Amino acid sequence: MFSYPQGTQYREVCSKLIAIHPFLRDQSSSGYELLHESLKNKMKKERRGFVQEEEVLMKRAKFGRKGRVNEDKLESQQLRKVDRTVSTS
């Protein structure tokens, strides 16, 4: 269905964008570190809409961190507990 872009694909897109639009060049050694990071973040945000897709669920089960949801839930509960103790003090 779809696959995640590889690092070489990101770099290829960034270098072509810099070739077409030289004003996008930054001060890094490659000239496109900020553009590369922005593109990776953009793709990450775009993938969030596919969370319930079958392929995404399979890859998450294979490569994802185990227990991440529980860790996040526990952390948010601890923060709420701290907020309550601070507000009642």
C-alpha atoms as a PDB file:
ATOM      1  CA  MET A   1       0.000   0.000   0.000  1.00  0.00           C
ATOM      2  CA  PHE A   2       2.559   2.612   1.126  1.00  0.00           C
ATOM      3  CA  SER A   3       5.984   2.589   2.640  1.00  0.00           C
ATOM      4  CA  TYR A   4       8.067   4.896   4.741  1.00  0.00           C
ATOM      5  CA  PRO A   5      10.614   7.071   2.918  1.00  0.00           C
ATOM      6  CA  GLN A   6      14.241   6.041   3.336  1.00  0.00           C
ATOM      7  CA  GLY A   7      16.952   8.472   4.438  1.00  0.00           C
ATOM      8  CA  THR A   8      18.419   8.499   0.937  1.00  0.00           C
ATOM      9  CA  GLN A   9      15.047   9.509  -0.484  1.00  0.00           C
ATOM     10  CA  TYR A  10      14.792  12.428   1.943  1.00  0.00           C
ATOM     11  CA  ARG A  11      18.307  13.574   1.029  1.00  0.00           C
ATOM     12  CA  GLU A  12      17.603  13.257  -2.696  1.00  0.00           C
ATOM     13  CA  VAL A  13      14.451  15.366  -2.435  1.00  0.00           C
ATOM     14  CA  CYS A  14      16.243  17.985  -0.326  1.00  0.00           C
ATOM     15  CA  SER A  15      19.208  18.256  -2.680  1.00  0.00           C
ATOM     16  CA  LYS A  16      16.890  18.643  -5.693  1.00  0.00           C
ATOM     17  CA  LEU A  17      14.887  21.320  -3.894  1.00  0.00           C
ATOM     18  CA  ILE A  18      18.117  23.202  -3.111  1.00  0.00           C
ATOM     19  CA  ALA A  19      19.187  22.903  -6.756  1.00  0.00           C
ATOM     20  CA  ILE A  20      15.885  24.397  -7.950  1.00  0.00           C
ATOM     21  CA  HIS A  21      15.487  26.919  -5.099  1.00  0.00           C
ATOM     22  CA  PRO A  22      18.974  27.918  -3.856  1.00  0.00           C
ATOM     23  CA  PHE A  23      17.521  30.417  -1.362  1.00  0.00           C
ATOM     24  CA  LEU A  24      16.424  27.408   0.753  1.00  0.00           C
ATOM     25  CA  ARG A  25      20.064  26.525   1.498  1.00  0.00           C
ATOM     26  CA  ASP A  26      21.010  26.727   5.186  1.00  0.00           C
ATOM     27  CA  GLN A  27      24.379  27.109   6.918  1.00  0.00           C
ATOM     28  CA  SER A  28      24.954  23.381   7.516  1.00  0.00           C
ATOM     29  CA  SER A  29      27.634  21.399   5.723  1.00  0.00           C
ATOM     30  CA  SER A  30      25.119  19.722   3.423  1.00  0.00           C
ATOM     31  CA  GLY A  31      23.119  22.900   2.940  1.00  0.00           C
ATOM     32  CA  TYR A  32      19.795  21.288   3.729  1.00  0.00           C
ATOM     33  CA  GLU A  33      19.820  19.968   7.304  1.00  0.00           C
ATOM     34  CA  LEU A  34      16.885  22.163   8.390  1.00  0.00           C
ATOM     35  CA  LEU A  35      14.927  21.297   5.265  1.00  0.00           C
ATOM     36  CA  HIS A  36      15.653  17.606   5.816  1.00  0.00           C
ATOM     37  CA  GLU A  37      14.437  17.749   9.422  1.00  0.00           C
ATOM     38  CA  SER A  38      11.323  19.707   8.432  1.00  0.00           C
ATOM     39  CA  LEU A  39      10.482  17.187   5.736  1.00  0.00           C
ATOM     40  CA  LYS A  40      10.887  14.271   8.165  1.00  0.00           C
ATOM     41  CA  ASN A  41       8.600  15.996  10.686  1.00  0.00           C
ATOM     42  CA  LYS A  42       6.036  16.734   7.960  1.00  0.00           C
ATOM     43  CA  MET A  43       5.961  13.078   6.936  1.00  0.00           C
ATOM     44  CA  LYS A  44       5.652  11.999  10.568  1.00  0.00           C
ATOM     45  CA  LYS A  45       2.629  14.266  11.038  1.00  0.00           C
ATOM     46  CA  GLU A  46       1.061  13.023   7.804  1.00  0.00           C
ATOM     47  CA  ARG A  47       1.386   9.400   8.948  1.00  0.00           C
ATOM     48  CA  ARG A  48      -0.580  10.088  12.128  1.00  0.00           C
ATOM     49  CA  GLY A  49      -3.774   9.911  10.085  1.00  0.00           C
ATOM     50  CA  PHE A  50      -2.997   6.307   9.164  1.00  0.00           C
ATOM     51  CA  VAL A  51      -2.831   5.043  12.740  1.00  0.00           C
ATOM     52  CA  GLN A  52      -5.636   2.509  12.287  1.00  0.00           C
ATOM     53  CA  GLU A  53      -4.515   1.212   8.880  1.00  0.00           C
ATOM     54  CA  GLU A  54      -3.705  -2.516   8.871  1.00  0.00           C
ATOM     55  CA  GLU A  55      -0.165  -2.087   7.515  1.00  0.00           C
ATOM     56  CA  VAL A  56       0.662   0.555  10.135  1.00  0.00           C
ATOM     57  CA  LEU A  57      -0.630  -1.660  12.917  1.00  0.00           C
ATOM     58  CA  MET A  58       1.471  -4.574  11.650  1.00  0.00           C
ATOM     59  CA  LYS A  59       4.645  -2.447  11.470  1.00  0.00           C
ATOM     60  CA  ARG A  60       3.957  -0.986  14.896  1.00  0.00           C
ATOM     61  CA  ALA A  61       3.573  -4.490  16.336  1.00  0.00           C
ATOM     62  CA  LYS A  62       6.832  -5.565  14.697  1.00  0.00           C
ATOM     63  CA  PHE A  63       9.023  -2.482  15.238  1.00  0.00           C
ATOM     64  CA  GLY A  64       7.254  -0.317  17.833  1.00  0.00           C
ATOM     65  CA  ARG A  65       8.220   0.123  21.452  1.00  0.00           C
ATOM     66  CA  LYS A  66       6.460  -2.293  23.745  1.00  0.00           C
ATOM     67  CA  GLY A  67       4.324  -0.724  26.471  1.00  0.00           C
ATOM     68  CA  ARG A  68       4.585   2.808  25.140  1.00  0.00           C
ATOM     69  CA  VAL A  69       0.878   3.546  25.594  1.00  0.00           C
ATOM     70  CA  ASN A  70       0.998   2.351  29.191  1.00  0.00           C
ATOM     71  CA  GLU A  71       4.084   4.476  29.889  1.00  0.00           C
ATOM     72  CA  ASP A  72       2.397   7.573  28.442  1.00  0.00           C
ATOM     73  CA  LYS A  73      -0.781   6.908  30.406  1.00  0.00           C
ATOM     74  CA  LEU A  74       1.194   6.411  33.613  1.00  0.00           C
ATOM     75  CA  GLU A  75       3.145   9.623  33.037  1.00  0.00           C
ATOM     76  CA  SER A  76      -0.035  11.651  32.435  1.00  0.00           C
ATOM     77  CA  GLN A  77      -1.604  10.185  35.598  1.00  0.00           C
ATOM     78  CA  GLN A  78       1.492  11.119  37.597  1.00  0.00           C
ATOM     79  CA  LEU A  79       1.373  14.661  36.209  1.00  0.00           C
ATOM     80  CA  ARG A  80      -2.290  14.998  37.179  1.00  0.00           C
ATOM     81  CA  LYS A  81      -1.467  13.753  40.666  1.00  0.00           C
ATOM     82  CA  VAL A  82       1.306  16.348  40.971  1.00  0.00           C
ATOM     83  CA  ASP A  83      -1.036  19.079  39.695  1.00  0.00           C
ATOM     84  CA  ARG A  84      -3.630  18.163  42.334  1.00  0.00           C
ATOM     85  CA  THR A  85      -1.106  18.244  45.162  1.00  0.00           C
ATOM     86  CA  VAL A  86       0.245  21.605  43.986  1.00  0.00           C
ATOM     87  CA  SER A  87      -3.230  23.140  43.630  1.00  0.00           C
ATOM     88  CA  THR A  88      -4.410  21.899  47.079  1.00  0.00           C
ATOM     89  CA  SER A  89      -1.263  23.070  48.871  1.00  0.00           C
END
